[in-house]
């Protein structure tokens, strides 16, 4: 088993732009995408209602990716999820548990040169389709 290295580390990590499908009540100060990467347990990105929801990252320089880790709020967990790279190529389906714990998902094959990744949550455990995500990390 190899050691995973974080791609999005706050210091010395890859430079990227993040976009999300929506933010609850458009309240980016309280529920914005920046909270996915701040390393704090009490902040989160919260989507508005409706499916699908998604998070996309575009990197300034190519990065390698072999796994991703997500931490949802139970009851607001993505279901029928997929990872797309470079705009359209689906590389993985995954099915998170309805849980608050950090969950790690491994790509079938490491991608050594990636500029764009999109994580789509095609449905949610929440009746209204909302997603609450405390942490998103990619590993090389």
N, C-alpha and C. Protein backbone atom coordinates (compact mmCIF):
# COMPACT_ATOMS: atom_id res chain seq x y z
N UNK A 1 0.85 -1.18 0.00
CA UNK A 1 0.00 0.00 0.00
C UNK A 1 0.89 1.24 0.00
N UNK A 2 0.62 2.17 -0.90
CA UNK A 2 1.43 3.39 -0.98
C UNK A 2 0.81 4.49 -0.11
N UNK A 3 1.62 5.46 0.23
CA UNK A 3 1.17 6.60 1.02
C UNK A 3 0.51 7.62 0.10
N UNK A 4 -0.62 8.14 0.51
CA UNK A 4 -1.32 9.16 -0.26
C UNK A 4 -0.83 10.54 0.14
N UNK A 5 -0.60 11.39 -0.85
CA UNK A 5 -0.18 12.77 -0.59
C UNK A 5 -1.31 13.72 -0.96
N UNK A 6 -1.65 14.66 -0.08
CA UNK A 6 -2.73 15.60 -0.40
C UNK A 6 -2.35 16.52 -1.56
N UNK A 7 -3.27 16.70 -2.48
CA UNK A 7 -3.06 17.57 -3.63
C UNK A 7 -3.42 19.01 -3.28
N UNK A 8 -4.43 19.20 -2.43
CA UNK A 8 -4.98 20.53 -2.14
C UNK A 8 -4.45 21.11 -0.83
N UNK A 9 -3.32 20.67 -0.35
CA UNK A 9 -2.76 21.15 0.92
C UNK A 9 -2.76 22.68 0.94
N UNK A 10 -3.08 23.25 2.10
CA UNK A 10 -3.20 24.71 2.20
C UNK A 10 -1.89 25.43 1.91
N UNK A 11 -0.78 24.85 2.31
CA UNK A 11 0.52 25.46 2.02
C UNK A 11 1.28 24.55 1.07
N UNK A 12 1.66 25.09 -0.07
CA UNK A 12 2.43 24.31 -1.02
C UNK A 12 1.60 23.39 -1.90
N UNK A 13 0.29 23.45 -1.79
CA UNK A 13 -0.58 22.61 -2.61
C UNK A 13 -0.78 23.21 -3.99
N UNK A 14 -1.47 22.47 -4.83
CA UNK A 14 -1.74 22.91 -6.19
C UNK A 14 -2.62 24.16 -6.20
N UNK A 15 -2.42 25.02 -7.19
CA UNK A 15 -3.25 26.21 -7.37
C UNK A 15 -4.47 25.79 -8.20
N UNK A 16 -5.66 26.13 -7.73
CA UNK A 16 -6.88 25.68 -8.39
C UNK A 16 -8.00 26.71 -8.24
N UNK A 17 -9.02 26.53 -9.08
CA UNK A 17 -10.26 27.30 -9.00
C UNK A 17 -11.37 26.30 -8.73
N UNK A 18 -12.21 26.61 -7.76
CA UNK A 18 -13.33 25.73 -7.41
C UNK A 18 -14.64 26.39 -7.81
N UNK A 19 -15.54 25.57 -8.35
CA UNK A 19 -16.91 26.01 -8.65
C UNK A 19 -17.86 24.98 -8.05
N UNK A 20 -19.04 25.44 -7.66
CA UNK A 20 -20.06 24.53 -7.13
C UNK A 20 -21.39 24.81 -7.85
N UNK A 21 -22.27 23.82 -7.80
CA UNK A 21 -23.56 23.93 -8.49
C UNK A 21 -24.45 24.98 -7.86
N UNK A 22 -24.41 25.11 -6.54
CA UNK A 22 -25.27 26.08 -5.83
C UNK A 22 -24.77 26.23 -4.40
N UNK A 23 -25.28 27.25 -3.72
CA UNK A 23 -25.01 27.46 -2.30
C UNK A 23 -26.33 27.78 -1.62
N UNK A 24 -26.57 27.19 -0.46
CA UNK A 24 -27.83 27.35 0.25
C UNK A 24 -28.18 28.83 0.40
N UNK A 25 -29.33 29.21 -0.11
CA UNK A 25 -29.83 30.59 -0.04
C UNK A 25 -28.83 31.62 -0.58
N UNK A 26 -27.91 31.17 -1.42
CA UNK A 26 -26.85 32.02 -1.98
C UNK A 26 -26.01 32.70 -0.89
N UNK A 27 -25.97 32.08 0.28
CA UNK A 27 -25.27 32.63 1.43
C UNK A 27 -23.83 32.10 1.45
N UNK A 28 -22.97 32.69 0.62
CA UNK A 28 -21.59 32.21 0.51
C UNK A 28 -20.76 32.54 1.74
N UNK A 29 -21.17 33.54 2.52
CA UNK A 29 -20.42 33.88 3.75
C UNK A 29 -20.56 32.79 4.80
N UNK A 30 -21.69 32.11 4.82
CA UNK A 30 -21.93 31.08 5.82
C UNK A 30 -21.74 29.66 5.28
N UNK A 31 -22.04 29.42 3.98
CA UNK A 31 -22.05 28.07 3.44
C UNK A 31 -21.26 27.94 2.14
N UNK A 32 -20.34 28.84 1.86
CA UNK A 32 -19.64 28.89 0.58
C UNK A 32 -18.63 27.76 0.36
N UNK A 33 -18.22 27.63 -0.89
CA UNK A 33 -17.29 26.58 -1.32
C UNK A 33 -15.93 26.67 -0.62
N UNK A 34 -15.54 27.86 -0.19
CA UNK A 34 -14.23 28.02 0.47
C UNK A 34 -14.12 27.16 1.72
N UNK A 35 -15.26 26.83 2.33
CA UNK A 35 -15.26 26.05 3.57
C UNK A 35 -14.95 24.57 3.34
N UNK A 36 -14.94 24.13 2.09
CA UNK A 36 -14.54 22.75 1.79
C UNK A 36 -13.06 22.51 2.08
N UNK A 37 -12.28 23.58 2.04
CA UNK A 37 -10.82 23.46 2.06
C UNK A 37 -10.16 24.17 3.23
N UNK A 38 -10.94 24.66 4.20
CA UNK A 38 -10.34 25.45 5.29
C UNK A 38 -9.82 24.61 6.45
N UNK A 39 -10.05 23.31 6.43
CA UNK A 39 -9.52 22.44 7.48
C UNK A 39 -10.24 22.53 8.82
N UNK A 40 -11.37 23.21 8.85
CA UNK A 40 -12.11 23.39 10.11
C UNK A 40 -13.32 22.45 10.14
N UNK A 41 -13.56 21.84 11.28
CA UNK A 41 -14.67 20.89 11.43
C UNK A 41 -16.04 21.56 11.55
N UNK A 42 -16.06 22.84 11.86
CA UNK A 42 -17.35 23.50 12.10
C UNK A 42 -17.86 24.29 10.89
N UNK A 43 -17.15 24.27 9.78
CA UNK A 43 -17.60 24.98 8.58
C UNK A 43 -17.85 23.98 7.44
N UNK A 44 -18.72 24.37 6.51
CA UNK A 44 -19.07 23.45 5.42
C UNK A 44 -19.60 24.20 4.21
N UNK A 45 -19.62 23.49 3.07
CA UNK A 45 -20.37 23.94 1.90
C UNK A 45 -21.73 23.27 1.99
N UNK A 46 -22.77 24.04 1.80
CA UNK A 46 -24.13 23.52 1.82
C UNK A 46 -24.79 23.93 0.50
N UNK A 47 -25.22 22.94 -0.26
CA UNK A 47 -25.87 23.26 -1.53
C UNK A 47 -27.31 23.71 -1.28
N UNK A 48 -27.87 24.32 -2.29
CA UNK A 48 -29.30 24.61 -2.27
C UNK A 48 -30.02 23.32 -2.64
N UNK A 49 -31.34 23.34 -2.68
CA UNK A 49 -32.09 22.13 -3.01
C UNK A 49 -32.02 21.83 -4.50
N UNK A 50 -32.31 20.58 -4.85
CA UNK A 50 -32.34 20.14 -6.24
C UNK A 50 -31.18 19.21 -6.57
N UNK A 51 -31.41 18.35 -7.54
CA UNK A 51 -30.37 17.41 -7.98
C UNK A 51 -30.21 17.55 -9.48
N UNK A 52 -29.02 17.30 -10.01
CA UNK A 52 -27.79 16.96 -9.28
C UNK A 52 -27.10 18.20 -8.72
N UNK A 53 -26.20 17.95 -7.77
CA UNK A 53 -25.30 18.98 -7.24
C UNK A 53 -23.89 18.54 -7.61
N UNK A 54 -22.94 19.48 -7.63
CA UNK A 54 -21.58 19.11 -8.01
C UNK A 54 -20.56 20.11 -7.48
N UNK A 55 -19.31 19.63 -7.45
CA UNK A 55 -18.15 20.46 -7.12
C UNK A 55 -17.13 20.20 -8.22
N UNK A 56 -16.57 21.27 -8.80
CA UNK A 56 -15.54 21.08 -9.82
C UNK A 56 -14.29 21.87 -9.44
N UNK A 57 -13.16 21.31 -9.81
CA UNK A 57 -11.87 21.94 -9.57
C UNK A 57 -11.12 22.00 -10.88
N UNK A 58 -10.55 23.17 -11.16
CA UNK A 58 -9.71 23.34 -12.34
C UNK A 58 -8.34 23.80 -11.85
N UNK A 59 -7.30 23.07 -12.25
CA UNK A 59 -5.95 23.33 -11.77
C UNK A 59 -5.16 24.17 -12.74
N UNK A 60 -4.32 25.04 -12.20
CA UNK A 60 -3.44 25.88 -13.01
C UNK A 60 -2.43 25.01 -13.77
N UNK A 61 -1.88 24.01 -13.07
CA UNK A 61 -0.95 23.05 -13.67
C UNK A 61 -1.50 21.65 -13.44
N UNK A 62 -1.15 20.72 -14.30
CA UNK A 62 -1.62 19.34 -14.17
C UNK A 62 -1.19 18.74 -12.84
N UNK A 63 -2.08 17.94 -12.26
CA UNK A 63 -1.81 17.22 -11.02
C UNK A 63 -2.11 15.74 -11.21
N UNK A 64 -1.57 14.92 -10.33
CA UNK A 64 -1.87 13.49 -10.32
C UNK A 64 -2.93 13.24 -9.25
N UNK A 65 -3.89 12.35 -9.55
CA UNK A 65 -4.94 12.02 -8.59
C UNK A 65 -5.17 10.51 -8.58
N UNK A 66 -5.24 9.94 -7.37
CA UNK A 66 -5.52 8.51 -7.25
C UNK A 66 -6.69 8.24 -6.30
N UNK A 67 -7.09 9.24 -5.49
CA UNK A 67 -8.18 9.03 -4.53
C UNK A 67 -8.78 10.37 -4.13
N UNK A 68 -9.97 10.31 -3.54
CA UNK A 68 -10.61 11.50 -2.99
C UNK A 68 -11.23 11.15 -1.66
N UNK A 69 -11.28 12.12 -0.77
CA UNK A 69 -11.90 11.94 0.54
C UNK A 69 -12.97 13.01 0.72
N UNK A 70 -14.11 12.60 1.26
CA UNK A 70 -15.25 13.49 1.48
C UNK A 70 -15.78 13.28 2.89
N UNK A 71 -16.22 14.37 3.51
CA UNK A 71 -16.91 14.26 4.79
C UNK A 71 -18.22 15.02 4.69
N UNK A 72 -19.31 14.26 4.73
CA UNK A 72 -20.66 14.81 4.64
C UNK A 72 -21.25 15.00 6.03
N UNK A 73 -22.37 15.69 6.08
CA UNK A 73 -23.21 15.66 7.28
C UNK A 73 -24.24 14.58 7.04
N UNK A 74 -24.37 13.64 7.98
CA UNK A 74 -25.38 12.59 7.83
C UNK A 74 -26.75 13.19 7.57
N UNK A 75 -27.49 12.58 6.66
CA UNK A 75 -28.81 13.09 6.29
C UNK A 75 -28.76 14.02 5.09
N UNK A 76 -27.56 14.47 4.72
CA UNK A 76 -27.37 15.38 3.58
C UNK A 76 -26.21 14.86 2.71
N UNK A 77 -26.23 13.55 2.46
CA UNK A 77 -25.12 12.85 1.80
C UNK A 77 -25.45 12.62 0.33
N UNK A 78 -24.44 12.82 -0.51
CA UNK A 78 -24.60 12.53 -1.93
C UNK A 78 -24.77 11.05 -2.18
N UNK A 79 -25.62 10.71 -3.14
CA UNK A 79 -25.83 9.33 -3.55
C UNK A 79 -25.62 9.26 -5.05
N UNK A 80 -25.38 8.04 -5.54
CA UNK A 80 -25.19 7.85 -6.98
C UNK A 80 -24.20 8.88 -7.51
N UNK A 81 -23.02 8.89 -6.93
CA UNK A 81 -22.01 9.90 -7.24
C UNK A 81 -21.09 9.44 -8.36
N UNK A 82 -20.48 10.39 -9.03
CA UNK A 82 -19.54 10.06 -10.09
C UNK A 82 -18.44 11.11 -10.17
N UNK A 83 -17.30 10.68 -10.70
CA UNK A 83 -16.16 11.57 -10.92
C UNK A 83 -15.94 11.67 -12.42
N UNK A 84 -15.89 12.91 -12.91
CA UNK A 84 -15.59 13.19 -14.32
C UNK A 84 -14.29 13.97 -14.37
N UNK A 85 -13.49 13.70 -15.39
CA UNK A 85 -12.24 14.43 -15.58
C UNK A 85 -12.20 15.05 -16.96
N UNK A 86 -11.45 16.14 -17.07
CA UNK A 86 -11.23 16.85 -18.34
C UNK A 86 -12.53 17.19 -19.07
N UNK A 87 -13.57 17.47 -18.32
CA UNK A 87 -14.79 17.98 -18.93
C UNK A 87 -15.88 16.98 -19.21
N UNK A 88 -15.55 15.70 -19.50
CA UNK A 88 -16.62 14.78 -19.87
C UNK A 88 -16.34 13.31 -19.59
N UNK A 89 -15.12 12.93 -19.35
CA UNK A 89 -14.79 11.52 -19.21
C UNK A 89 -15.10 11.03 -17.80
N UNK A 90 -16.10 10.14 -17.69
CA UNK A 90 -16.44 9.58 -16.37
C UNK A 90 -15.44 8.48 -16.04
N UNK A 91 -14.79 8.60 -14.87
CA UNK A 91 -13.77 7.63 -14.48
C UNK A 91 -14.19 6.77 -13.29
N UNK A 92 -15.27 7.16 -12.60
CA UNK A 92 -15.66 6.38 -11.42
C UNK A 92 -17.07 6.72 -10.97
N UNK A 93 -17.79 5.67 -10.56
CA UNK A 93 -19.03 5.82 -9.80
C UNK A 93 -18.69 5.45 -8.37
N UNK A 94 -19.30 6.13 -7.40
CA UNK A 94 -19.09 5.75 -6.00
C UNK A 94 -20.35 6.04 -5.20
N UNK A 95 -20.47 5.34 -4.06
CA UNK A 95 -21.69 5.36 -3.28
C UNK A 95 -21.37 5.58 -1.79
N UNK A 96 -21.33 6.83 -1.35
CA UNK A 96 -21.01 7.12 0.06
C UNK A 96 -22.07 6.58 1.01
N UNK A 97 -21.64 6.28 2.24
CA UNK A 97 -22.55 5.89 3.31
C UNK A 97 -23.20 7.16 3.86
N UNK A 98 -24.40 7.02 4.40
CA UNK A 98 -25.08 8.13 5.06
C UNK A 98 -24.49 8.27 6.45
N UNK A 99 -23.38 9.01 6.53
CA UNK A 99 -22.58 9.06 7.74
C UNK A 99 -21.82 10.39 7.82
N UNK A 100 -21.38 10.74 9.04
CA UNK A 100 -20.58 11.95 9.25
C UNK A 100 -19.09 11.70 9.09
N UNK A 101 -18.67 10.46 8.95
CA UNK A 101 -17.23 10.15 8.93
C UNK A 101 -16.59 10.50 7.59
N UNK A 102 -15.27 10.70 7.62
CA UNK A 102 -14.51 10.93 6.38
C UNK A 102 -14.49 9.62 5.61
N UNK A 103 -14.86 9.69 4.33
CA UNK A 103 -14.90 8.50 3.48
C UNK A 103 -13.95 8.71 2.31
N UNK A 104 -13.10 7.71 2.07
CA UNK A 104 -12.10 7.79 1.00
C UNK A 104 -12.48 6.81 -0.11
N UNK A 105 -12.37 7.29 -1.34
CA UNK A 105 -12.70 6.49 -2.53
C UNK A 105 -11.50 6.52 -3.46
N UNK A 106 -11.10 5.35 -3.93
CA UNK A 106 -9.91 5.20 -4.77
C UNK A 106 -10.31 5.03 -6.23
N UNK A 107 -9.66 5.79 -7.11
CA UNK A 107 -9.87 5.60 -8.54
C UNK A 107 -9.34 4.22 -8.93
N UNK A 108 -9.92 3.61 -9.96
CA UNK A 108 -9.45 2.31 -10.40
C UNK A 108 -8.01 2.39 -10.89
N UNK A 109 -7.69 3.53 -11.47
CA UNK A 109 -6.34 3.75 -11.98
C UNK A 109 -5.95 5.19 -11.70
N UNK A 110 -4.72 5.37 -11.24
CA UNK A 110 -4.20 6.72 -10.95
C UNK A 110 -4.17 7.54 -12.24
N UNK A 111 -4.60 8.79 -12.15
CA UNK A 111 -4.53 9.71 -13.28
C UNK A 111 -3.31 10.59 -13.04
N UNK A 112 -2.33 10.50 -13.93
CA UNK A 112 -1.06 11.18 -13.67
C UNK A 112 -1.03 12.63 -14.15
N UNK A 113 -1.95 13.02 -15.03
CA UNK A 113 -1.96 14.39 -15.53
C UNK A 113 -3.40 14.87 -15.69
N UNK A 114 -3.85 15.63 -14.71
CA UNK A 114 -5.24 16.06 -14.65
C UNK A 114 -5.31 17.57 -14.49
N UNK A 115 -6.18 18.24 -15.26
CA UNK A 115 -6.38 19.69 -15.12
C UNK A 115 -7.78 20.02 -14.59
N UNK A 116 -8.76 19.14 -14.86
CA UNK A 116 -10.13 19.40 -14.41
C UNK A 116 -10.73 18.13 -13.82
N UNK A 117 -11.43 18.31 -12.71
CA UNK A 117 -12.16 17.19 -12.09
C UNK A 117 -13.50 17.72 -11.59
N UNK A 118 -14.52 16.90 -11.76
CA UNK A 118 -15.87 17.28 -11.32
C UNK A 118 -16.45 16.10 -10.55
N UNK A 119 -16.92 16.37 -9.34
CA UNK A 119 -17.54 15.36 -8.51
C UNK A 119 -19.03 15.68 -8.49
N UNK A 120 -19.83 14.76 -9.03
CA UNK A 120 -21.27 14.98 -9.16
C UNK A 120 -22.03 14.11 -8.16
N UNK A 121 -23.00 14.72 -7.50
CA UNK A 121 -23.89 14.03 -6.57
C UNK A 121 -25.26 13.99 -7.24
N UNK A 122 -25.58 12.88 -7.90
CA UNK A 122 -26.79 12.79 -8.72
C UNK A 122 -28.08 12.74 -7.91
N UNK A 123 -27.97 12.37 -6.64
CA UNK A 123 -29.11 12.43 -5.73
C UNK A 123 -28.57 12.60 -4.32
N UNK A 124 -29.47 12.70 -3.35
CA UNK A 124 -29.06 12.98 -1.97
C UNK A 124 -29.93 12.19 -1.01
N UNK A 125 -29.42 11.93 0.20
CA UNK A 125 -30.25 11.32 1.23
C UNK A 125 -31.27 12.30 1.76
N UNK A 126 -31.09 13.59 1.47
CA UNK A 126 -32.03 14.63 1.86
C UNK A 126 -33.19 14.67 0.86
N UNK A 127 -34.41 14.73 1.35
CA UNK A 127 -35.60 14.74 0.49
C UNK A 127 -35.56 15.86 -0.55
N UNK A 128 -34.97 17.00 -0.19
CA UNK A 128 -34.93 18.15 -1.09
C UNK A 128 -33.70 18.18 -1.99
N UNK A 129 -32.80 17.21 -1.83
CA UNK A 129 -31.62 17.13 -2.70
C UNK A 129 -30.44 17.96 -2.25
N UNK A 130 -30.46 18.44 -1.00
CA UNK A 130 -29.35 19.26 -0.51
C UNK A 130 -28.16 18.37 -0.12
N UNK A 131 -26.96 18.93 -0.29
CA UNK A 131 -25.71 18.27 0.10
C UNK A 131 -25.02 19.16 1.12
N UNK A 132 -24.51 18.57 2.19
CA UNK A 132 -23.69 19.30 3.16
C UNK A 132 -22.35 18.58 3.25
N UNK A 133 -21.30 19.30 2.86
CA UNK A 133 -19.98 18.70 2.75
C UNK A 133 -18.98 19.53 3.56
N UNK A 134 -18.34 18.89 4.55
CA UNK A 134 -17.39 19.56 5.43
C UNK A 134 -15.96 19.53 4.90
N UNK A 135 -15.66 18.50 4.12
CA UNK A 135 -14.28 18.33 3.66
C UNK A 135 -14.26 17.67 2.29
N UNK A 136 -13.36 18.18 1.45
CA UNK A 136 -13.05 17.56 0.16
C UNK A 136 -11.54 17.60 0.00
N UNK A 137 -10.95 16.45 -0.23
CA UNK A 137 -9.51 16.37 -0.45
C UNK A 137 -9.23 15.40 -1.57
N UNK A 138 -8.25 15.73 -2.38
CA UNK A 138 -7.77 14.84 -3.44
C UNK A 138 -6.39 14.36 -3.03
N UNK A 139 -6.04 13.14 -3.43
CA UNK A 139 -4.74 12.57 -3.12
C UNK A 139 -4.07 12.07 -4.40
N UNK A 140 -2.74 12.23 -4.45
CA UNK A 140 -1.98 11.74 -5.61
C UNK A 140 -1.42 10.36 -5.30
